[in-house]
Structures are given as C-alpha cells and as structure tokens.
Amino acid sequence: MSAESKVNEPGAAPDDETLALAHALLDAAREGNSGVLGSYLAAGAPATLTNSSGDSLVMLAAYHGHAGTVRLILDHGGDPNMANDRGQTPLAGAVFKGYTDVARELLDAGADPDAGTPSARAAAQMFARTDILALLG
C-alpha cells in the first residue's frame, strides 16, 4: 500500500487521517521506533507500506541502520527484496551505509545480494565493504 492510495478505494486520494498514519509509520521506520511501529504492525498495518518514492518500511529502517526494526518489519511480512522506484533494495542501502548488522538481518530473511541496481554485491565491491562482502559469500 502506498501512502498515496486509500485502503478501501483504489485510485482515490487518501484522507488526511490515513495519510497522517502512513507518514507516522514511515517516520517510525526511519527513526527505528520499534515500539510504535510494532504496535501498528501487530494491529494489521501493512508491513509493505511504501512512500511516494517506493521506499518501503524495510528500506527506511535498513538505510538508517536500525537492525532490530528491520527484523520487526520482516517478522510482520516485510519484503527484504522490495526495490524502490530507483531499483535499490534494502540490502544495497545497508551495504552503501556500511551497516553489517542490518545486512545480516536482511540476508537471514532471504535478501538477494544480486538484486537491484546497483546490487548489494556491486555496492559492497564499489565501497570496499569487505566485512559485508564476506557475508554475501
């Protein structure tokens, strides 16, 4: 579900309350606020929520280095391979930023090191992330 689409009416503009909730969840992922995010995910909020650029909750948590929040989202159905509108995956984002613990969580959940543009493997080589390259195999 995108923050730009209303749950019950595909193609309809979201109401202010829906949009505010979507933004709060995206911010919680970005900030690593697992308490807030966990409550909403447990209540049925979609773990595949994306922003207008296609960045998922997993992508935002991964890019900002929140391994525990990444695990929480994945445990509620987040997709470790969901690329954003630029073709970037959460694993490539974690590699770019050098977050080995986040990369490990994503790999444990089945993230593909060769998916996306650039792939996580290519990013690890580009930025000489030898510790993460070792994880990628």
Protein backbone atom coordinates (compact mmCIF):
# COMPACT_ATOMS: atom_id res chain seq x y z
CA MET A 1 0.00 0.00 0.00
CA SER A 2 1.38 3.38 -0.93
CA ALA A 3 0.79 6.42 1.25
CA GLU A 4 -0.83 7.89 -1.85
CA SER A 5 -3.58 5.27 -2.17
CA LYS A 6 -6.57 4.82 0.08
CA VAL A 7 -7.06 1.34 1.50
CA ASN A 8 -10.71 0.84 0.54
CA GLU A 9 -10.83 2.80 -2.71
CA PRO A 10 -8.06 2.09 -5.20
CA GLY A 11 -7.09 5.23 -7.07
CA ALA A 12 -8.83 7.53 -4.60
CA ALA A 13 -6.93 10.26 -2.80
CA PRO A 14 -6.19 9.32 0.81
CA ASP A 15 -7.98 11.16 3.57
CA ASP A 16 -5.93 13.25 5.98
CA GLU A 17 -6.10 10.65 8.75
CA THR A 18 -4.86 7.83 6.50
CA LEU A 19 -2.07 9.99 5.14
CA ALA A 20 -1.00 11.07 8.64
CA LEU A 21 -0.87 7.45 9.82
CA ALA A 22 1.17 6.39 6.78
CA HIS A 23 3.65 9.21 7.40
CA ALA A 24 3.87 8.30 11.11
CA LEU A 25 4.67 4.68 10.23
CA LEU A 26 7.27 5.69 7.65
CA ASP A 27 8.85 8.06 10.19
CA ALA A 28 8.85 5.31 12.84
CA ALA A 29 10.75 3.02 10.46
CA ARG A 30 13.22 5.78 9.59
CA GLU A 31 13.79 6.56 13.28
CA GLY A 32 13.94 2.94 14.43
CA ASN A 33 10.92 3.41 16.69
CA SER A 34 10.09 -0.27 17.04
CA GLY A 35 7.59 0.33 19.83
CA VAL A 36 5.26 2.49 17.74
CA LEU A 37 5.81 0.51 14.57
CA GLY A 38 5.34 -2.84 16.31
CA SER A 39 2.00 -1.76 17.77
CA TYR A 40 0.62 -0.78 14.40
CA LEU A 41 2.02 -3.82 12.60
CA ALA A 42 0.52 -6.10 15.24
CA ALA A 43 -2.82 -4.34 14.72
CA GLY A 44 -2.69 -5.05 10.99
CA ALA A 45 -0.87 -2.12 9.40
CA PRO A 46 0.76 -3.30 6.15
CA ALA A 47 4.43 -4.20 6.53
CA THR A 48 4.81 -3.45 2.80
CA LEU A 49 3.80 0.21 3.09
CA THR A 50 5.86 2.50 0.82
CA ASN A 51 6.36 6.22 0.44
CA SER A 52 5.93 8.15 -2.81
CA SER A 53 9.45 7.09 -3.93
CA GLY A 54 8.73 3.41 -3.37
CA ASP A 55 10.85 3.22 -0.22
CA SER A 56 9.35 0.50 1.98
CA LEU A 57 9.37 0.37 5.76
CA VAL A 58 12.20 -2.19 5.47
CA MET A 59 14.18 0.13 3.17
CA LEU A 60 13.83 3.10 5.52
CA ALA A 61 14.81 1.13 8.62
CA ALA A 62 17.71 -0.55 6.79
CA TYR A 63 19.07 2.66 5.28
CA HIS A 64 19.08 4.31 8.71
CA GLY A 65 20.80 1.40 10.44
CA HIS A 66 18.03 0.00 12.63
CA ALA A 67 18.65 -3.76 12.60
CA GLY A 68 16.04 -4.52 15.27
CA THR A 69 13.39 -2.51 13.45
CA VAL A 70 14.29 -4.26 10.19
CA ARG A 71 13.79 -7.63 11.92
CA LEU A 72 10.44 -6.47 13.37
CA ILE A 73 9.13 -5.41 9.96
CA LEU A 74 10.36 -8.61 8.33
CA ASP A 75 8.66 -10.66 11.06
CA HIS A 76 5.38 -8.94 10.14
CA GLY A 77 5.64 -9.69 6.43
CA GLY A 78 8.02 -7.03 5.10
CA ASP A 79 9.83 -7.97 1.90
CA PRO A 80 13.65 -7.97 2.13
CA ASN A 81 13.91 -7.70 -1.66
CA MET A 82 11.37 -4.93 -2.35
CA ALA A 83 13.18 -2.38 -4.52
CA ASN A 84 12.24 1.28 -4.55
CA ASP A 85 11.39 3.29 -7.67
CA ARG A 86 15.12 3.66 -8.42
CA GLY A 87 15.69 -0.10 -8.34
CA GLN A 88 17.53 0.00 -5.00
CA THR A 89 16.99 -2.79 -2.46
CA PRO A 90 17.15 -2.57 1.34
CA LEU A 91 20.29 -4.74 1.30
CA ALA A 92 22.05 -2.42 -1.14
CA GLY A 93 21.08 0.52 1.09
CA ALA A 94 22.53 -1.20 4.16
CA VAL A 95 25.72 -2.01 2.25
CA PHE A 96 26.05 1.57 1.00
CA LYS A 97 25.79 2.86 4.57
CA GLY A 98 28.06 0.10 5.96
CA TYR A 99 25.52 -1.46 8.34
CA THR A 100 26.77 -5.04 8.70
CA ASP A 101 24.17 -5.93 11.36
CA VAL A 102 21.34 -4.76 9.10
CA ALA A 103 22.81 -6.66 6.15
CA ARG A 104 22.92 -9.80 8.29
CA GLU A 105 19.22 -9.43 9.23
CA LEU A 106 18.24 -8.97 5.59
CA LEU A 107 20.34 -11.90 4.40
CA ASP A 108 18.87 -14.11 7.14
CA ALA A 109 15.42 -13.18 5.77
CA GLY A 110 16.37 -14.19 2.24
CA ALA A 111 17.56 -10.92 0.70
CA ASP A 112 19.14 -11.47 -2.71
CA PRO A 113 22.62 -9.88 -2.87
CA ASP A 114 22.40 -9.71 -6.67
CA ALA A 115 19.00 -7.98 -6.92
CA GLY A 116 18.55 -4.32 -7.68
CA THR A 117 20.56 -1.59 -9.33
CA PRO A 118 23.25 -1.46 -8.18
CA SER A 119 23.10 -4.81 -6.46
CA ALA A 120 24.27 -5.16 -2.87
CA ARG A 121 27.23 -7.18 -4.10
CA ALA A 122 28.22 -4.43 -6.56
CA ALA A 123 27.80 -1.77 -3.85
CA ALA A 124 29.96 -3.78 -1.44
CA GLN A 125 32.68 -4.02 -4.08
CA MET A 126 32.36 -0.34 -5.02
CA PHE A 127 32.66 0.86 -1.43
CA ALA A 128 35.17 -1.81 -0.30
CA ARG A 129 32.82 -3.18 2.37
CA THR A 130 34.93 -6.31 2.89
CA ASP A 131 33.06 -7.36 6.04
CA ILE A 132 29.75 -7.33 4.15
CA LEU A 133 31.28 -8.95 1.07
CA ALA A 134 32.24 -11.85 3.30
CA LEU A 135 28.60 -12.15 4.42
CA LEU A 136 27.40 -12.17 0.82
CA GLY A 137 29.53 -15.21 0.04
